[in-house]
N, C-alpha and C. Protein backbone atom coordinates (compact mmCIF):
# COMPACT_ATOMS: atom_id res chain seq x y z
N MET A 1 0.83 -1.19 0.00
CA MET A 1 0.00 0.00 0.00
C MET A 1 0.86 1.24 0.00
N GLY A 2 0.35 2.30 -0.60
CA GLY A 2 1.06 3.56 -0.62
C GLY A 2 0.93 4.31 0.69
N LYS A 3 1.65 5.41 0.77
CA LYS A 3 1.63 6.25 1.96
C LYS A 3 0.32 7.03 2.02
N LEU A 4 -0.30 7.05 3.20
CA LEU A 4 -1.53 7.81 3.41
C LEU A 4 -1.19 9.28 3.41
N LEU A 5 -1.76 10.04 2.46
CA LEU A 5 -1.45 11.45 2.32
C LEU A 5 -2.35 12.35 3.14
N ARG A 6 -3.58 11.91 3.36
CA ARG A 6 -4.54 12.75 4.07
C ARG A 6 -5.59 11.87 4.72
N SER A 7 -6.05 12.28 5.88
CA SER A 7 -7.12 11.57 6.56
C SER A 7 -8.14 12.61 7.02
N PRO A 8 -9.43 12.33 6.86
CA PRO A 8 -10.43 13.32 7.28
C PRO A 8 -10.44 13.50 8.79
N ILE A 9 -10.81 14.70 9.22
CA ILE A 9 -10.94 14.97 10.65
C ILE A 9 -12.23 14.31 11.15
N GLU A 10 -12.36 14.18 12.45
CA GLU A 10 -13.52 13.49 13.03
C GLU A 10 -14.85 14.10 12.60
N GLU A 11 -14.93 15.42 12.52
CA GLU A 11 -16.18 16.06 12.10
C GLU A 11 -16.56 15.65 10.68
N GLN A 12 -15.57 15.58 9.80
CA GLN A 12 -15.84 15.15 8.43
C GLN A 12 -16.30 13.69 8.41
N LYS A 13 -15.67 12.86 9.21
CA LYS A 13 -16.07 11.45 9.28
C LYS A 13 -17.50 11.31 9.77
N SER A 14 -17.84 12.05 10.82
CA SER A 14 -19.18 11.91 11.40
C SER A 14 -20.27 12.45 10.48
N GLN A 15 -19.93 13.41 9.62
CA GLN A 15 -20.90 13.98 8.69
C GLN A 15 -20.89 13.32 7.32
N SER A 16 -20.04 12.32 7.13
CA SER A 16 -19.95 11.66 5.83
C SER A 16 -21.21 10.84 5.54
N GLU A 17 -21.50 10.67 4.28
CA GLU A 17 -22.69 9.92 3.89
C GLU A 17 -22.57 8.45 4.30
N ILE A 18 -21.36 7.90 4.24
CA ILE A 18 -21.21 6.50 4.63
C ILE A 18 -21.47 6.34 6.13
N ASN A 19 -21.09 7.32 6.94
CA ASN A 19 -21.39 7.25 8.37
C ASN A 19 -22.88 7.37 8.62
N LYS A 20 -23.55 8.25 7.90
CA LYS A 20 -25.00 8.39 8.04
C LYS A 20 -25.70 7.09 7.63
N PHE A 21 -25.22 6.47 6.56
CA PHE A 21 -25.78 5.19 6.12
C PHE A 21 -25.53 4.12 7.19
N LYS A 22 -24.34 4.09 7.75
CA LYS A 22 -24.01 3.14 8.82
C LYS A 22 -24.98 3.31 9.99
N GLN A 23 -25.24 4.55 10.38
CA GLN A 23 -26.18 4.81 11.48
C GLN A 23 -27.59 4.35 11.11
N TYR A 24 -27.98 4.55 9.86
CA TYR A 24 -29.29 4.09 9.39
C TYR A 24 -29.40 2.57 9.54
N ILE A 25 -28.38 1.85 9.11
CA ILE A 25 -28.37 0.38 9.22
C ILE A 25 -28.38 -0.06 10.68
N GLU A 26 -27.56 0.61 11.49
CA GLU A 26 -27.51 0.26 12.92
C GLU A 26 -28.88 0.42 13.57
N GLN A 27 -29.54 1.51 13.26
CA GLN A 27 -30.87 1.76 13.85
C GLN A 27 -31.89 0.76 13.31
N ARG A 28 -31.86 0.52 12.02
CA ARG A 28 -32.85 -0.36 11.38
C ARG A 28 -32.76 -1.80 11.92
N TYR A 29 -31.55 -2.27 12.15
CA TYR A 29 -31.36 -3.67 12.56
C TYR A 29 -30.90 -3.82 14.01
N GLN A 30 -30.93 -2.72 14.77
CA GLN A 30 -30.46 -2.74 16.16
C GLN A 30 -29.06 -3.37 16.25
N LEU A 31 -28.15 -2.85 15.44
CA LEU A 31 -26.77 -3.32 15.40
C LEU A 31 -25.84 -2.20 15.82
N SER A 32 -24.59 -2.53 16.03
CA SER A 32 -23.58 -1.52 16.31
C SER A 32 -22.29 -1.95 15.62
N PHE A 33 -21.81 -1.10 14.72
CA PHE A 33 -20.58 -1.39 14.01
C PHE A 33 -19.48 -0.48 14.54
N ALA A 34 -18.37 -1.05 14.92
CA ALA A 34 -17.25 -0.26 15.45
C ALA A 34 -16.53 0.50 14.34
N SER A 35 -16.64 0.01 13.10
CA SER A 35 -15.91 0.63 12.00
C SER A 35 -16.61 0.37 10.68
N TYR A 36 -16.11 1.05 9.67
CA TYR A 36 -16.58 0.81 8.30
C TYR A 36 -16.36 -0.65 7.93
N HIS A 37 -15.25 -1.22 8.33
CA HIS A 37 -14.92 -2.61 7.98
C HIS A 37 -15.95 -3.58 8.55
N ASP A 38 -16.48 -3.27 9.73
CA ASP A 38 -17.53 -4.11 10.31
C ASP A 38 -18.81 -4.01 9.49
N LEU A 39 -19.14 -2.80 9.03
CA LEU A 39 -20.30 -2.62 8.15
C LEU A 39 -20.11 -3.40 6.86
N ARG A 40 -18.92 -3.31 6.29
CA ARG A 40 -18.63 -4.02 5.04
C ARG A 40 -18.76 -5.52 5.24
N ALA A 41 -18.25 -6.03 6.35
CA ALA A 41 -18.36 -7.47 6.63
C ALA A 41 -19.83 -7.88 6.73
N TRP A 42 -20.64 -7.06 7.41
CA TRP A 42 -22.07 -7.35 7.53
C TRP A 42 -22.72 -7.35 6.14
N SER A 43 -22.32 -6.43 5.29
CA SER A 43 -22.93 -6.32 3.96
C SER A 43 -22.66 -7.56 3.11
N THR A 44 -21.59 -8.27 3.37
CA THR A 44 -21.27 -9.47 2.59
C THR A 44 -21.99 -10.71 3.09
N THR A 45 -22.56 -10.62 4.29
CA THR A 45 -23.29 -11.77 4.82
C THR A 45 -24.80 -11.57 4.73
N THR A 46 -25.23 -10.35 4.51
CA THR A 46 -26.66 -10.04 4.37
C THR A 46 -26.86 -9.23 3.08
N ILE A 47 -26.47 -9.83 1.98
CA ILE A 47 -26.40 -9.13 0.68
C ILE A 47 -27.74 -8.54 0.26
N VAL A 48 -28.80 -9.30 0.35
CA VAL A 48 -30.10 -8.82 -0.11
C VAL A 48 -30.57 -7.64 0.74
N ASP A 49 -30.49 -7.77 2.05
CA ASP A 49 -30.89 -6.67 2.93
C ASP A 49 -30.04 -5.44 2.67
N PHE A 50 -28.73 -5.64 2.56
CA PHE A 50 -27.83 -4.52 2.34
C PHE A 50 -28.20 -3.75 1.08
N TRP A 51 -28.37 -4.42 -0.06
CA TRP A 51 -28.64 -3.71 -1.31
C TRP A 51 -30.05 -3.12 -1.34
N ARG A 52 -31.00 -3.78 -0.68
CA ARG A 52 -32.34 -3.18 -0.56
C ARG A 52 -32.24 -1.89 0.22
N ASP A 53 -31.47 -1.91 1.31
CA ASP A 53 -31.31 -0.72 2.14
C ASP A 53 -30.52 0.38 1.43
N VAL A 54 -29.56 0.01 0.60
CA VAL A 54 -28.86 1.02 -0.20
C VAL A 54 -29.86 1.74 -1.10
N ALA A 55 -30.70 0.98 -1.79
CA ALA A 55 -31.70 1.58 -2.69
C ALA A 55 -32.68 2.45 -1.91
N THR A 56 -33.09 2.00 -0.73
CA THR A 56 -34.03 2.77 0.08
C THR A 56 -33.38 4.03 0.64
N TYR A 57 -32.22 3.87 1.27
CA TYR A 57 -31.55 5.00 1.90
C TYR A 57 -31.23 6.10 0.90
N PHE A 58 -30.75 5.71 -0.28
CA PHE A 58 -30.38 6.71 -1.28
C PHE A 58 -31.55 7.10 -2.18
N ASN A 59 -32.75 6.67 -1.78
CA ASN A 59 -33.99 7.09 -2.43
C ASN A 59 -33.98 6.82 -3.94
N THR A 60 -33.62 5.60 -4.31
CA THR A 60 -33.59 5.22 -5.71
C THR A 60 -35.00 5.24 -6.26
N LYS A 61 -35.20 5.97 -7.32
CA LYS A 61 -36.54 6.13 -7.92
C LYS A 61 -36.74 5.08 -9.01
N PHE A 62 -37.27 3.94 -8.61
CA PHE A 62 -37.59 2.91 -9.59
C PHE A 62 -38.88 3.31 -10.30
N HIS A 63 -38.89 3.22 -11.62
CA HIS A 63 -40.12 3.52 -12.37
C HIS A 63 -41.10 2.37 -12.22
N SER A 64 -40.56 1.18 -12.07
CA SER A 64 -41.40 0.04 -11.74
C SER A 64 -40.67 -0.73 -10.65
N GLY A 65 -41.42 -1.20 -9.68
CA GLY A 65 -40.83 -1.87 -8.53
C GLY A 65 -40.15 -3.17 -8.88
N PHE A 66 -39.43 -3.71 -7.94
CA PHE A 66 -38.72 -4.97 -8.18
C PHE A 66 -39.40 -6.09 -7.41
N SER A 67 -39.31 -7.29 -7.98
CA SER A 67 -39.89 -8.45 -7.32
C SER A 67 -38.89 -9.12 -6.38
N SER A 68 -37.60 -8.97 -6.66
CA SER A 68 -36.56 -9.48 -5.76
C SER A 68 -35.29 -8.66 -5.96
N VAL A 69 -34.49 -8.60 -4.92
CA VAL A 69 -33.24 -7.84 -4.99
C VAL A 69 -32.19 -8.62 -5.77
N LEU A 70 -32.08 -9.90 -5.50
CA LEU A 70 -31.06 -10.74 -6.13
C LEU A 70 -31.70 -12.06 -6.53
N ALA A 71 -31.56 -12.39 -7.80
CA ALA A 71 -32.15 -13.65 -8.29
C ALA A 71 -31.16 -14.36 -9.20
N ASN A 72 -31.32 -15.63 -9.29
CA ASN A 72 -30.55 -16.47 -10.21
C ASN A 72 -29.04 -16.36 -10.08
N PRO A 73 -28.51 -16.43 -8.85
CA PRO A 73 -27.05 -16.42 -8.78
C PRO A 73 -26.49 -17.64 -9.49
N ALA A 74 -25.44 -17.43 -10.26
CA ALA A 74 -24.83 -18.54 -11.00
C ALA A 74 -24.33 -19.61 -10.04
N ASN A 75 -23.71 -19.18 -8.96
CA ASN A 75 -23.33 -20.11 -7.89
C ASN A 75 -23.12 -19.30 -6.62
N ARG A 76 -22.94 -19.96 -5.53
CA ARG A 76 -22.85 -19.27 -4.23
C ARG A 76 -21.57 -18.45 -4.08
N ASP A 77 -20.57 -18.72 -4.91
CA ASP A 77 -19.28 -18.03 -4.79
C ASP A 77 -19.10 -16.91 -5.79
N SER A 78 -20.10 -16.65 -6.62
CA SER A 78 -19.95 -15.65 -7.67
C SER A 78 -21.29 -14.98 -7.96
N PHE A 79 -21.22 -13.72 -8.38
CA PHE A 79 -22.43 -13.01 -8.77
C PHE A 79 -22.63 -13.01 -10.28
N PHE A 80 -21.69 -13.58 -11.02
CA PHE A 80 -21.83 -13.62 -12.47
C PHE A 80 -23.11 -14.36 -12.84
N GLY A 81 -23.89 -13.78 -13.71
CA GLY A 81 -25.13 -14.39 -14.13
C GLY A 81 -26.31 -14.06 -13.23
N SER A 82 -26.09 -13.29 -12.19
CA SER A 82 -27.18 -12.93 -11.28
C SER A 82 -28.02 -11.81 -11.87
N THR A 83 -29.25 -11.72 -11.40
CA THR A 83 -30.15 -10.64 -11.79
C THR A 83 -30.40 -9.79 -10.56
N TRP A 84 -30.13 -8.49 -10.68
CA TRP A 84 -30.31 -7.57 -9.57
C TRP A 84 -31.59 -6.77 -9.76
N PHE A 85 -32.38 -6.63 -8.71
CA PHE A 85 -33.62 -5.86 -8.71
C PHE A 85 -34.53 -6.28 -9.87
N SER A 86 -34.87 -7.56 -9.89
CA SER A 86 -35.69 -8.15 -10.95
C SER A 86 -37.00 -7.39 -11.14
N GLY A 87 -37.32 -7.10 -12.38
CA GLY A 87 -38.58 -6.46 -12.72
C GLY A 87 -38.58 -4.95 -12.63
N SER A 88 -37.50 -4.38 -12.10
CA SER A 88 -37.48 -2.92 -11.94
C SER A 88 -36.97 -2.23 -13.21
N THR A 89 -37.33 -0.99 -13.33
CA THR A 89 -36.77 -0.14 -14.39
C THR A 89 -36.35 1.18 -13.76
N LEU A 90 -35.31 1.75 -14.31
CA LEU A 90 -34.78 3.03 -13.84
C LEU A 90 -34.56 3.95 -15.04
N ASN A 91 -34.58 5.22 -14.79
CA ASN A 91 -34.18 6.19 -15.79
C ASN A 91 -33.01 6.95 -15.17
N TYR A 92 -31.79 6.63 -15.60
CA TYR A 92 -30.62 7.23 -14.99
C TYR A 92 -30.58 8.75 -15.15
N ALA A 93 -30.99 9.25 -16.32
CA ALA A 93 -31.01 10.70 -16.53
C ALA A 93 -31.99 11.35 -15.57
N ASP A 94 -33.15 10.73 -15.38
CA ASP A 94 -34.14 11.25 -14.45
C ASP A 94 -33.57 11.32 -13.04
N MET A 95 -32.87 10.27 -12.62
CA MET A 95 -32.27 10.24 -11.29
C MET A 95 -31.20 11.32 -11.17
N TYR A 96 -30.39 11.49 -12.18
CA TYR A 96 -29.31 12.46 -12.15
C TYR A 96 -29.85 13.88 -12.03
N PHE A 97 -30.86 14.21 -12.82
CA PHE A 97 -31.36 15.57 -12.83
C PHE A 97 -32.37 15.85 -11.70
N THR A 98 -32.75 14.83 -10.94
CA THR A 98 -33.62 15.02 -9.79
C THR A 98 -32.84 15.70 -8.65
N VAL A 99 -31.55 15.43 -8.58
CA VAL A 99 -30.69 16.01 -7.55
C VAL A 99 -30.55 17.50 -7.81
N LYS A 100 -30.71 18.29 -6.77
CA LYS A 100 -30.57 19.73 -6.92
C LYS A 100 -29.12 20.09 -7.20
N ARG A 101 -28.94 21.01 -8.09
CA ARG A 101 -27.59 21.42 -8.47
C ARG A 101 -26.77 21.85 -7.25
N GLY A 102 -25.53 21.39 -7.19
CA GLY A 102 -24.62 21.80 -6.14
C GLY A 102 -24.76 21.03 -4.84
N GLN A 103 -25.73 20.12 -4.75
CA GLN A 103 -25.95 19.41 -3.49
C GLN A 103 -24.98 18.27 -3.26
N ILE A 104 -24.72 17.49 -4.28
CA ILE A 104 -23.89 16.30 -4.11
C ILE A 104 -22.58 16.47 -4.85
N PRO A 105 -21.46 16.40 -4.14
CA PRO A 105 -20.18 16.54 -4.83
C PRO A 105 -19.85 15.30 -5.64
N THR A 106 -19.16 15.49 -6.72
CA THR A 106 -18.68 14.41 -7.55
C THR A 106 -17.17 14.51 -7.58
N TYR A 107 -16.49 13.40 -7.43
CA TYR A 107 -15.04 13.41 -7.44
C TYR A 107 -14.55 12.77 -8.73
N LEU A 108 -13.69 13.48 -9.40
CA LEU A 108 -13.10 12.98 -10.63
C LEU A 108 -11.66 12.61 -10.35
N HIS A 109 -11.26 11.42 -10.79
CA HIS A 109 -9.87 11.04 -10.63
C HIS A 109 -9.21 11.14 -11.99
N ILE A 110 -8.23 12.00 -12.06
CA ILE A 110 -7.45 12.19 -13.28
C ILE A 110 -6.03 11.83 -12.89
N PRO A 111 -5.25 11.21 -13.78
CA PRO A 111 -3.91 10.76 -13.38
C PRO A 111 -3.09 11.78 -12.59
N MET A 112 -3.34 13.05 -12.79
CA MET A 112 -2.56 14.07 -12.07
C MET A 112 -3.09 14.32 -10.67
N GLY A 113 -4.28 13.80 -10.33
CA GLY A 113 -4.83 14.04 -9.00
C GLY A 113 -6.33 13.87 -8.97
N THR A 114 -6.93 14.11 -7.82
CA THR A 114 -8.37 14.00 -7.65
C THR A 114 -8.93 15.41 -7.47
N PHE A 115 -9.99 15.72 -8.17
CA PHE A 115 -10.56 17.06 -8.15
C PHE A 115 -12.00 16.99 -7.69
N ASN A 116 -12.39 17.91 -6.82
CA ASN A 116 -13.76 17.99 -6.34
C ASN A 116 -14.54 18.86 -7.31
N VAL A 117 -15.57 18.29 -7.90
CA VAL A 117 -16.42 19.00 -8.85
C VAL A 117 -17.84 18.83 -8.37
N ASN A 118 -18.65 19.88 -8.41
CA ASN A 118 -20.05 19.73 -8.04
C ASN A 118 -20.93 20.12 -9.22
N PHE A 119 -22.23 19.93 -9.06
CA PHE A 119 -23.15 20.15 -10.17
C PHE A 119 -23.15 21.59 -10.67
N THR A 120 -22.79 22.53 -9.85
CA THR A 120 -22.76 23.92 -10.32
C THR A 120 -21.56 24.18 -11.21
N THR A 121 -20.49 23.40 -11.05
CA THR A 121 -19.33 23.59 -11.92
C THR A 121 -19.37 22.72 -13.16
N ILE A 122 -20.28 21.77 -13.22
CA ILE A 122 -20.36 20.90 -14.40
C ILE A 122 -21.07 21.62 -15.52
């Protein structure tokens, strides 16, 4: 691994979207995760609940609902051949333009560095 160049301060960590999502999951399932890694471990053992909650928490606007979150896994060790959110339809442009300009930052990685860009600068 490379050298860590920067680490967010505690206030940034507590206000991060991943921390808010972690708190949402903890409250919903009466759990307590000591770290992001604990949340990630939980997400790999409760895949269907995790992805359903991702869609719910981030207010994914399905044009038609889904009958199942995960269907037809090719095998238990791989997701290849699986169907995600069966029966649902999305309009990505609709979802993108539903967000108010300037609300959600987007990070672009260019070989020279990472740049913070938001909807007002796009």
